[in-house]
Amino acid sequence: MLTKRIIPCLDIKNGRTVKGKNFKSLKDAGDPIELGYWYTKQGADELIFLDITATNEKRKTLKTLVKDISSQINIPFTVGGGIKEEKDVELLLESGADKISINTAAFKNPDIIEKFSKRFGSQCIVLAIDTKFLKNSWWVYLNGGRIETNTKTMDWVKEGVDRGVGEILLTSMNHDGTKKGFAIDIIKNVSETVSVPVIASGGAGTIEDFYNVFKNGKADAALAASIFHYKIIKIPNLKKYLSFHNIPVRNYN
């Protein structure tokens, strides 16, 4: 049985880690280099770095910071934010990223999914989807949740996988930062529909929330930010709990 992954997320703005609620009211959460090192020691399975204002501010991800973080960690490292061209992917992989995450650019130009996966391998292409439940359905949002679309989340998930993404990072805007649990229904729907791994994001608040998203949401990995940044939940304790409750996890301290 494949082990479930625990993934801290570093949302970056102006070179600092930030965290908000429902994609708003961002607060400083620490130095990303120090946090990356800390998570490696804590037993995190992977790390995700999202330059959350790169697309909206029309600039590239902070490649120097990526290199600095990668030099301090020895776990898989995914980087996203403002990635539009093959040269962006190439530079980030050269800077130490293991995988890249694409969101708005992929939605606006889906052909890049096929180009990226063909050149770099689908295993390193993650499709990040920000989704919001509105009018009895889940919809895709762009530019860090600032722009709504008329595309249903499940339709975009299927297209992304058909075009060659190797993983889905699904973030519920309704649940983001609320600490009230993951969006189990849409996560389960996506997980049971596609053949690629699904990372659940948005809403983690308790250890039980992780158990629920793995057991009932069928997620392959669970991502969280503030509860890890502020040490509300420590990864070794989380993994011990999950292991005790028969959720397979990798080694922990």
C-alpha atoms as a PDB file:
ATOM      1  CA  MET A   1       0.000   0.000   0.000  1.00  0.00           C
ATOM      2  CA  LEU A   2       1.324   3.438  -0.923  1.00  0.00           C
ATOM      3  CA  THR A   3       2.173   5.659   2.018  1.00  0.00           C
ATOM      4  CA  LYS A   4       0.295   8.910   2.525  1.00  0.00           C
ATOM      5  CA  ARG A   5       2.337  12.106   2.344  1.00  0.00           C
ATOM      6  CA  ILE A   6       2.349  15.067   4.724  1.00  0.00           C
ATOM      7  CA  ILE A   7       3.292  18.289   2.937  1.00  0.00           C
ATOM      8  CA  PRO A   8       3.875  21.690   4.554  1.00  0.00           C
ATOM      9  CA  CYS A   9       3.221  24.618   2.219  1.00  0.00           C
ATOM     10  CA  LEU A  10       5.189  27.843   2.135  1.00  0.00           C
ATOM     11  CA  ASP A  11       3.082  30.618   0.636  1.00  0.00           C
ATOM     12  CA  ILE A  12       5.600  33.333  -0.245  1.00  0.00           C
ATOM     13  CA  LYS A  13       5.071  37.069  -0.598  1.00  0.00           C
ATOM     14  CA  ASN A  14       7.967  39.539  -0.756  1.00  0.00           C
ATOM     15  CA  GLY A  15      10.372  36.772   0.251  1.00  0.00           C
ATOM     16  CA  ARG A  16       8.508  35.903   3.461  1.00  0.00           C
ATOM     17  CA  THR A  17       6.178  33.052   4.371  1.00  0.00           C
ATOM     18  CA  VAL A  18       2.601  34.303   4.816  1.00  0.00           C
ATOM     19  CA  LYS A  19      -0.738  32.749   5.734  1.00  0.00           C
ATOM     20  CA  GLY A  20      -4.279  34.021   5.529  1.00  0.00           C
ATOM     21  CA  LYS A  21      -7.888  32.879   5.616  1.00  0.00           C
ATOM     22  CA  ASN A  22      -9.978  32.222   2.487  1.00  0.00           C
ATOM     23  CA  PHE A  23      -7.020  33.631   0.477  1.00  0.00           C
ATOM     24  CA  LYS A  24      -7.268  36.995   2.302  1.00  0.00           C
ATOM     25  CA  SER A  25      -5.837  38.831   5.364  1.00  0.00           C
ATOM     26  CA  LEU A  26      -2.276  37.576   4.917  1.00  0.00           C
ATOM     27  CA  LYS A  27      -0.007  37.552   7.972  1.00  0.00           C
ATOM     28  CA  ASP A  28       3.713  36.919   8.288  1.00  0.00           C
ATOM     29  CA  ALA A  29       4.549  33.328   9.256  1.00  0.00           C
ATOM     30  CA  GLY A  30       8.337  33.317   9.218  1.00  0.00           C
ATOM     31  CA  ASP A  31      11.466  32.921   7.161  1.00  0.00           C
ATOM     32  CA  PRO A  32      10.965  30.316   4.398  1.00  0.00           C
ATOM     33  CA  ILE A  33      14.562  29.068   4.528  1.00  0.00           C
ATOM     34  CA  GLU A  34      14.379  28.427   8.278  1.00  0.00           C
ATOM     35  CA  LEU A  35      10.965  26.794   7.925  1.00  0.00           C
ATOM     36  CA  GLY A  36      12.169  24.548   5.111  1.00  0.00           C
ATOM     37  CA  TYR A  37      15.070  23.337   7.243  1.00  0.00           C
ATOM     38  CA  TRP A  38      12.752  22.810  10.226  1.00  0.00           C
ATOM     39  CA  TYR A  39      10.315  20.706   8.191  1.00  0.00           C
ATOM     40  CA  THR A  40      13.094  18.504   6.876  1.00  0.00           C
ATOM     41  CA  LYS A  41      14.104  17.739  10.464  1.00  0.00           C
ATOM     42  CA  GLN A  42      10.472  17.194  11.471  1.00  0.00           C
ATOM     43  CA  GLY A  43       9.958  14.425   8.936  1.00  0.00           C
ATOM     44  CA  ALA A  44       7.870  16.168   6.294  1.00  0.00           C
ATOM     45  CA  ASP A  45       7.588  14.058   3.141  1.00  0.00           C
ATOM     46  CA  GLU A  46       7.698  16.974   0.723  1.00  0.00           C
ATOM     47  CA  LEU A  47       7.679  20.750   0.669  1.00  0.00           C
ATOM     48  CA  ILE A  48       5.654  23.067  -1.570  1.00  0.00           C
ATOM     49  CA  PHE A  49       6.700  26.655  -2.252  1.00  0.00           C
ATOM     50  CA  LEU A  50       4.066  28.916  -3.836  1.00  0.00           C
ATOM     51  CA  ASP A  51       4.952  32.469  -4.790  1.00  0.00           C
ATOM     52  CA  ILE A  52       1.322  33.481  -4.388  1.00  0.00           C
ATOM     53  CA  THR A  53       1.466  36.945  -5.967  1.00  0.00           C
ATOM     54  CA  ALA A  54       3.763  36.112  -8.910  1.00  0.00           C
ATOM     55  CA  THR A  55       0.963  35.733 -11.462  1.00  0.00           C
ATOM     56  CA  ASN A  56      -1.062  38.706 -10.240  1.00  0.00           C
ATOM     57  CA  GLU A  57       2.031  40.934 -10.196  1.00  0.00           C
ATOM     58  CA  LYS A  58       3.152  39.580 -13.590  1.00  0.00           C
ATOM     59  CA  ARG A  59       6.654  38.593 -12.508  1.00  0.00           C
ATOM     60  CA  LYS A  60       8.663  35.436 -12.177  1.00  0.00           C
ATOM     61  CA  THR A  61       9.069  33.230  -9.121  1.00  0.00           C
ATOM     62  CA  LEU A  62      11.997  34.144  -6.853  1.00  0.00           C
ATOM     63  CA  LYS A  63      14.607  31.771  -8.226  1.00  0.00           C
ATOM     64  CA  THR A  64      17.318  32.834  -5.764  1.00  0.00           C
ATOM     65  CA  LEU A  65      15.061  32.014  -2.839  1.00  0.00           C
ATOM     66  CA  VAL A  66      14.262  28.643  -4.408  1.00  0.00           C
ATOM     67  CA  LYS A  67      17.969  27.875  -4.591  1.00  0.00           C
ATOM     68  CA  ASP A  68      18.498  28.969  -0.965  1.00  0.00           C
ATOM     69  CA  ILE A  69      15.644  26.794   0.299  1.00  0.00           C
ATOM     70  CA  SER A  70      16.673  23.746  -1.737  1.00  0.00           C
ATOM     71  CA  SER A  71      20.176  23.933  -0.275  1.00  0.00           C
ATOM     72  CA  GLN A  72      18.708  23.451   3.219  1.00  0.00           C
ATOM     73  CA  ILE A  73      16.411  20.488   2.546  1.00  0.00           C
ATOM     74  CA  ASN A  74      16.707  16.888   1.385  1.00  0.00           C
ATOM     75  CA  ILE A  75      13.081  16.114   0.579  1.00  0.00           C
ATOM     76  CA  PRO A  76      11.146  16.576  -2.684  1.00  0.00           C
ATOM     77  CA  PHE A  77      10.455  20.241  -3.369  1.00  0.00           C
ATOM     78  CA  THR A  78       7.654  21.650  -5.550  1.00  0.00           C
ATOM     79  CA  VAL A  79       7.711  25.271  -6.697  1.00  0.00           C
ATOM     80  CA  GLY A  80       4.897  27.327  -8.220  1.00  0.00           C
ATOM     81  CA  GLY A  81       4.089  30.904  -9.147  1.00  0.00           C
ATOM     82  CA  GLY A  82       4.271  32.743 -12.463  1.00  0.00           C
ATOM     83  CA  ILE A  83       5.482  29.727 -14.480  1.00  0.00           C
ATOM     84  CA  LYS A  84       4.491  30.148 -18.118  1.00  0.00           C
ATOM     85  CA  GLU A  85       7.321  28.957 -20.355  1.00  0.00           C
ATOM     86  CA  GLU A  86       9.667  26.005 -20.695  1.00  0.00           C
ATOM     87  CA  LYS A  87      12.622  28.167 -19.709  1.00  0.00           C
ATOM     88  CA  ASP A  88      10.867  28.994 -16.413  1.00  0.00           C
ATOM     89  CA  VAL A  89      10.606  25.291 -15.628  1.00  0.00           C
ATOM     90  CA  GLU A  90      14.190  24.678 -16.670  1.00  0.00           C
ATOM     91  CA  LEU A  91      15.545  27.438 -14.424  1.00  0.00           C
ATOM     92  CA  LEU A  92      13.540  26.276 -11.410  1.00  0.00           C
ATOM     93  CA  LEU A  93      14.618  22.661 -11.806  1.00  0.00           C
ATOM     94  CA  GLU A  94      18.212  23.852 -12.151  1.00  0.00           C
ATOM     95  CA  SER A  95      17.731  25.911  -8.955  1.00  0.00           C
ATOM     96  CA  GLY A  96      16.793  22.825  -6.957  1.00  0.00           C
ATOM     97  CA  ALA A  97      13.077  22.229  -7.510  1.00  0.00           C
ATOM     98  CA  ASP A  98      12.009  18.610  -8.045  1.00  0.00           C
ATOM     99  CA  LYS A  99       8.554  19.479  -9.373  1.00  0.00           C
ATOM    100  CA  ILE A 100       6.811  22.602 -10.624  1.00  0.00           C
ATOM    101  CA  SER A 101       3.252  23.696  -9.987  1.00  0.00           C
ATOM    102  CA  ILE A 102       1.211  25.466 -12.647  1.00  0.00           C
ATOM    103  CA  ASN A 103      -2.165  27.086 -12.197  1.00  0.00           C
ATOM    104  CA  THR A 104      -3.419  30.207 -13.998  1.00  0.00           C
ATOM    105  CA  ALA A 105      -1.020  29.952 -16.939  1.00  0.00           C
ATOM    106  CA  ALA A 106      -2.084  26.358 -17.590  1.00  0.00           C
ATOM    107  CA  PHE A 107      -5.760  27.285 -17.503  1.00  0.00           C
ATOM    108  CA  LYS A 108      -5.268  30.139 -19.963  1.00  0.00           C
ATOM    109  CA  ASN A 109      -2.993  28.091 -22.226  1.00  0.00           C
ATOM    110  CA  PRO A 110      -3.585  24.363 -21.638  1.00  0.00           C
ATOM    111  CA  ASP A 111      -1.117  23.429 -24.370  1.00  0.00           C
ATOM    112  CA  ILE A 112       1.764  24.173 -22.003  1.00  0.00           C
ATOM    113  CA  ILE A 113       0.786  21.124 -19.939  1.00  0.00           C
ATOM    114  CA  GLU A 114       1.586  18.857 -22.866  1.00  0.00           C
ATOM    115  CA  LYS A 115       4.770  20.772 -23.691  1.00  0.00           C
ATOM    116  CA  PHE A 116       6.021  20.646 -20.102  1.00  0.00           C
ATOM    117  CA  SER A 117       5.159  16.992 -19.518  1.00  0.00           C
ATOM    118  CA  LYS A 118       6.714  15.919 -22.825  1.00  0.00           C
ATOM    119  CA  ARG A 119       9.986  17.738 -22.154  1.00  0.00           C
ATOM    120  CA  PHE A 120      10.389  17.355 -18.387  1.00  0.00           C
ATOM    121  CA  GLY A 121       8.229  14.316 -17.624  1.00  0.00           C
ATOM    122  CA  SER A 122       4.695  14.274 -16.258  1.00  0.00           C
ATOM    123  CA  GLN A 123       5.994  13.199 -12.845  1.00  0.00           C
ATOM    124  CA  CYS A 124       7.314  16.713 -12.203  1.00  0.00           C
ATOM    125  CA  ILE A 125       4.265  18.644 -13.432  1.00  0.00           C
ATOM    126  CA  VAL A 126       1.686  19.466 -10.736  1.00  0.00           C
ATOM    127  CA  LEU A 127      -1.593  21.118 -11.675  1.00  0.00           C
ATOM    128  CA  ALA A 128      -2.704  23.399  -8.847  1.00  0.00           C
ATOM    129  CA  ILE A 129      -6.407  24.188  -8.817  1.00  0.00           C
ATOM    130  CA  ASP A 130      -8.022  26.791  -6.572  1.00  0.00           C
ATOM    131  CA  THR A 131     -11.684  25.902  -6.293  1.00  0.00           C
ATOM    132  CA  LYS A 132     -14.705  27.506  -4.676  1.00  0.00           C
ATOM    133  CA  PHE A 133     -18.137  26.081  -3.924  1.00  0.00           C
ATOM    134  CA  LEU A 134     -20.774  28.447  -5.247  1.00  0.00           C
ATOM    135  CA  LYS A 135     -24.286  27.965  -6.600  1.00  0.00           C
ATOM    136  CA  ASN A 136     -24.324  24.239  -5.824  1.00  0.00           C
ATOM    137  CA  SER A 137     -21.105  23.446  -7.655  1.00  0.00           C
ATOM    138  CA  TRP A 138     -17.303  23.714  -7.451  1.00  0.00           C
ATOM    139  CA  TRP A 139     -15.713  26.287  -9.786  1.00  0.00           C
ATOM    140  CA  VAL A 140     -12.147  27.078 -10.849  1.00  0.00           C
ATOM    141  CA  TYR A 141     -10.610  30.390  -9.719  1.00  0.00           C
ATOM    142  CA  LEU A 142      -7.441  32.033 -11.071  1.00  0.00           C
ATOM    143  CA  ASN A 143      -4.748  34.520 -10.032  1.00  0.00           C
ATOM    144  CA  GLY A 144      -4.507  33.360  -6.442  1.00  0.00           C
ATOM    145  CA  GLY A 145      -8.279  33.115  -6.090  1.00  0.00           C
ATOM    146  CA  ARG A 146      -8.930  36.629  -7.374  1.00  0.00           C
ATOM    147  CA  ILE A 147     -10.639  35.787 -10.656  1.00  0.00           C
ATOM    148  CA  GLU A 148     -13.639  33.489 -11.059  1.00  0.00           C
ATOM    149  CA  THR A 149     -14.220  31.378 -14.149  1.00  0.00           C
ATOM    150  CA  ASN A 150     -17.235  29.604 -15.617  1.00  0.00           C
ATOM    151  CA  THR A 151     -15.375  26.278 -15.649  1.00  0.00           C
ATOM    152  CA  LYS A 152     -16.385  23.526 -13.261  1.00  0.00           C
ATOM    153  CA  THR A 153     -13.550  22.040 -11.246  1.00  0.00           C
ATOM    154  CA  MET A 154     -14.135  18.445 -12.304  1.00  0.00           C
ATOM    155  CA  ASP A 155     -14.032  19.395 -15.987  1.00  0.00           C
ATOM    156  CA  TRP A 156     -10.666  21.113 -15.570  1.00  0.00           C
ATOM    157  CA  VAL A 157      -9.281  18.271 -13.460  1.00  0.00           C
ATOM    158  CA  LYS A 158     -10.097  15.742 -16.188  1.00  0.00           C
ATOM    159  CA  GLU A 159      -8.651  17.911 -18.947  1.00  0.00           C
ATOM    160  CA  GLY A 160      -5.447  18.527 -16.997  1.00  0.00           C
ATOM    161  CA  VAL A 161      -4.884  14.813 -16.454  1.00  0.00           C
ATOM    162  CA  ASP A 162      -5.715  14.031 -20.087  1.00  0.00           C
ATOM    163  CA  ARG A 163      -3.102  16.575 -21.164  1.00  0.00           C
ATOM    164  CA  GLY A 164      -0.390  15.006 -19.027  1.00  0.00           C
ATOM    165  CA  VAL A 165      -0.122  16.429 -15.498  1.00  0.00           C
ATOM    166  CA  GLY A 166       1.337  13.993 -13.015  1.00  0.00           C
ATOM    167  CA  GLU A 167      -0.397  15.260  -9.886  1.00  0.00           C
ATOM    168  CA  ILE A 168      -3.302  17.457  -8.767  1.00  0.00           C
ATOM    169  CA  LEU A 169      -3.015  20.000  -5.950  1.00  0.00           C
ATOM    170  CA  LEU A 170      -6.597  20.844  -5.020  1.00  0.00           C
ATOM    171  CA  THR A 171      -7.216  23.808  -2.709  1.00  0.00           C
ATOM    172  CA  SER A 172     -10.684  24.662  -1.418  1.00  0.00           C
ATOM    173  CA  MET A 173     -10.984  28.419  -1.064  1.00  0.00           C
ATOM    174  CA  ASN A 174     -14.029  27.930   1.176  1.00  0.00           C
ATOM    175  CA  HIS A 175     -11.954  25.939   3.648  1.00  0.00           C
ATOM    176  CA  ASP A 176      -8.584  27.696   3.351  1.00  0.00           C
ATOM    177  CA  GLY A 177      -7.313  28.877   6.732  1.00  0.00           C
ATOM    178  CA  THR A 178     -10.542  28.004   8.558  1.00  0.00           C
ATOM    179  CA  LYS A 179      -9.094  24.991  10.443  1.00  0.00           C
ATOM    180  CA  LYS A 180     -12.508  23.320  10.133  1.00  0.00           C
ATOM    181  CA  GLY A 181     -11.456  20.353   8.035  1.00  0.00           C
ATOM    182  CA  PHE A 182     -10.841  19.590   4.369  1.00  0.00           C
ATOM    183  CA  ALA A 183     -13.446  19.698   1.588  1.00  0.00           C
ATOM    184  CA  ILE A 184     -13.970  15.940   1.692  1.00  0.00           C
ATOM    185  CA  ASP A 185     -16.659  15.743  -1.000  1.00  0.00           C
ATOM    186  CA  ILE A 186     -14.735  17.366  -3.862  1.00  0.00           C
ATOM    187  CA  ILE A 187     -11.446  15.726  -2.793  1.00  0.00           C
ATOM    188  CA  LYS A 188     -13.069  12.292  -2.819  1.00  0.00           C
ATOM    189  CA  ASN A 189     -14.695  12.984  -6.164  1.00  0.00           C
ATOM    190  CA  VAL A 190     -11.389  14.023  -7.751  1.00  0.00           C
ATOM    191  CA  SER A 191      -9.405  11.205  -6.125  1.00  0.00           C
ATOM    192  CA  GLU A 192     -11.819   8.546  -7.369  1.00  0.00           C
ATOM    193  CA  THR A 193     -12.022  10.055 -10.865  1.00  0.00           C
ATOM    194  CA  VAL A 194      -8.370  10.493 -11.868  1.00  0.00           C
ATOM    195  CA  SER A 195      -5.449   8.088 -11.988  1.00  0.00           C
ATOM    196  CA  VAL A 196      -2.825  10.555 -10.719  1.00  0.00           C
ATOM    197  CA  PRO A 197      -2.077  11.407  -7.053  1.00  0.00           C
ATOM    198  CA  VAL A 198      -4.237  14.093  -5.427  1.00  0.00           C
ATOM    199  CA  ILE A 199      -2.933  16.518  -2.795  1.00  0.00           C
ATOM    200  CA  ALA A 200      -5.688  17.882  -0.552  1.00  0.00           C
ATOM    201  CA  SER A 201      -5.303  21.492   0.570  1.00  0.00           C
ATOM    202  CA  GLY A 202      -7.345  23.939   2.620  1.00  0.00           C
ATOM    203  CA  GLY A 203      -8.906  23.553   6.050  1.00  0.00           C
ATOM    204  CA  ALA A 204      -6.592  21.397   8.148  1.00  0.00           C
ATOM    205  CA  GLY A 205      -7.044  22.194  11.822  1.00  0.00           C
ATOM    206  CA  THR A 206      -6.732  18.967  13.799  1.00  0.00           C
ATOM    207  CA  ILE A 207      -4.948  15.642  13.551  1.00  0.00           C
ATOM    208  CA  GLU A 208      -8.341  14.033  12.935  1.00  0.00           C
ATOM    209  CA  ASP A 209      -8.795  16.183   9.823  1.00  0.00           C
ATOM    210  CA  PHE A 210      -5.813  14.433   8.238  1.00  0.00           C
ATOM    211  CA  TYR A 211      -7.200  11.011   9.085  1.00  0.00           C
ATOM    212  CA  ASN A 212     -10.522  12.019   7.570  1.00  0.00           C
ATOM    213  CA  VAL A 213      -9.067  13.285   4.297  1.00  0.00           C
ATOM    214  CA  PHE A 214      -7.011  10.113   3.857  1.00  0.00           C
ATOM    215  CA  LYS A 215      -9.691   7.664   4.964  1.00  0.00           C
ATOM    216  CA  ASN A 216     -12.818   9.296   3.555  1.00  0.00           C
ATOM    217  CA  GLY A 217     -11.431  11.765   1.026  1.00  0.00           C
ATOM    218  CA  LYS A 218      -9.130   9.138  -0.533  1.00  0.00           C
ATOM    219  CA  ALA A 219      -6.368  11.766  -0.887  1.00  0.00           C
ATOM    220  CA  ASP A 220      -2.811  10.643  -1.585  1.00  0.00           C
ATOM    221  CA  ALA A 221      -1.280  13.582   0.291  1.00  0.00           C
ATOM    222  CA  ALA A 222      -2.439  16.342   2.607  1.00  0.00           C
ATOM    223  CA  LEU A 223      -1.064  19.869   2.635  1.00  0.00           C
ATOM    224  CA  ALA A 224      -1.215  22.391   5.450  1.00  0.00           C
ATOM    225  CA  ALA A 225       0.427  25.656   6.384  1.00  0.00           C
ATOM    226  CA  SER A 226      -0.453  27.623   9.506  1.00  0.00           C
ATOM    227  CA  ILE A 227      -0.940  24.642  11.831  1.00  0.00           C
ATOM    228  CA  PHE A 228       2.592  23.553  10.962  1.00  0.00           C
ATOM    229  CA  HIS A 229       4.156  27.034  10.835  1.00  0.00           C
ATOM    230  CA  TYR A 230       2.816  27.930  14.290  1.00  0.00           C
ATOM    231  CA  LYS A 231       3.494  24.433  15.666  1.00  0.00           C
ATOM    232  CA  ILE A 232      -0.153  23.761  16.490  1.00  0.00           C
ATOM    233  CA  ILE A 233       0.459  20.270  15.129  1.00  0.00           C
ATOM    234  CA  LYS A 234       3.905  18.705  14.956  1.00  0.00           C
ATOM    235  CA  ILE A 235       4.542  16.345  12.074  1.00  0.00           C
ATOM    236  CA  PRO A 236       6.026  13.484  14.167  1.00  0.00           C
ATOM    237  CA  ASN A 237       2.932  13.497  16.403  1.00  0.00           C
ATOM    238  CA  LEU A 238       0.663  13.585  13.360  1.00  0.00           C
ATOM    239  CA  LYS A 239       2.412  10.631  11.749  1.00  0.00           C
ATOM    240  CA  LYS A 240       2.307   8.604  14.963  1.00  0.00           C
ATOM    241  CA  TYR A 241      -1.448   9.189  15.183  1.00  0.00           C
ATOM    242  CA  LEU A 242      -2.030   8.236  11.560  1.00  0.00           C
ATOM    243  CA  SER A 243       0.121   5.118  11.836  1.00  0.00           C
ATOM    244  CA  PHE A 244      -1.719   4.044  14.999  1.00  0.00           C
ATOM    245  CA  HIS A 245      -4.998   4.420  13.096  1.00  0.00           C
ATOM    246  CA  ASN A 246      -3.764   2.284  10.191  1.00  0.00           C
ATOM    247  CA  ILE A 247      -3.007   5.080   7.748  1.00  0.00           C
ATOM    248  CA  PRO A 248       0.339   4.171   6.107  1.00  0.00           C
ATOM    249  CA  VAL A 249       2.957   6.908   6.485  1.00  0.00           C
ATOM    250  CA  ARG A 250       6.682   7.155   5.932  1.00  0.00           C
ATOM    251  CA  ASN A 251       9.208   7.130   8.762  1.00  0.00           C
ATOM    252  CA  TYR A 252       8.924   9.821  11.416  1.00  0.00           C
ATOM    253  CA  ASN A 253      11.160  11.016  14.242  1.00  0.00           C
END
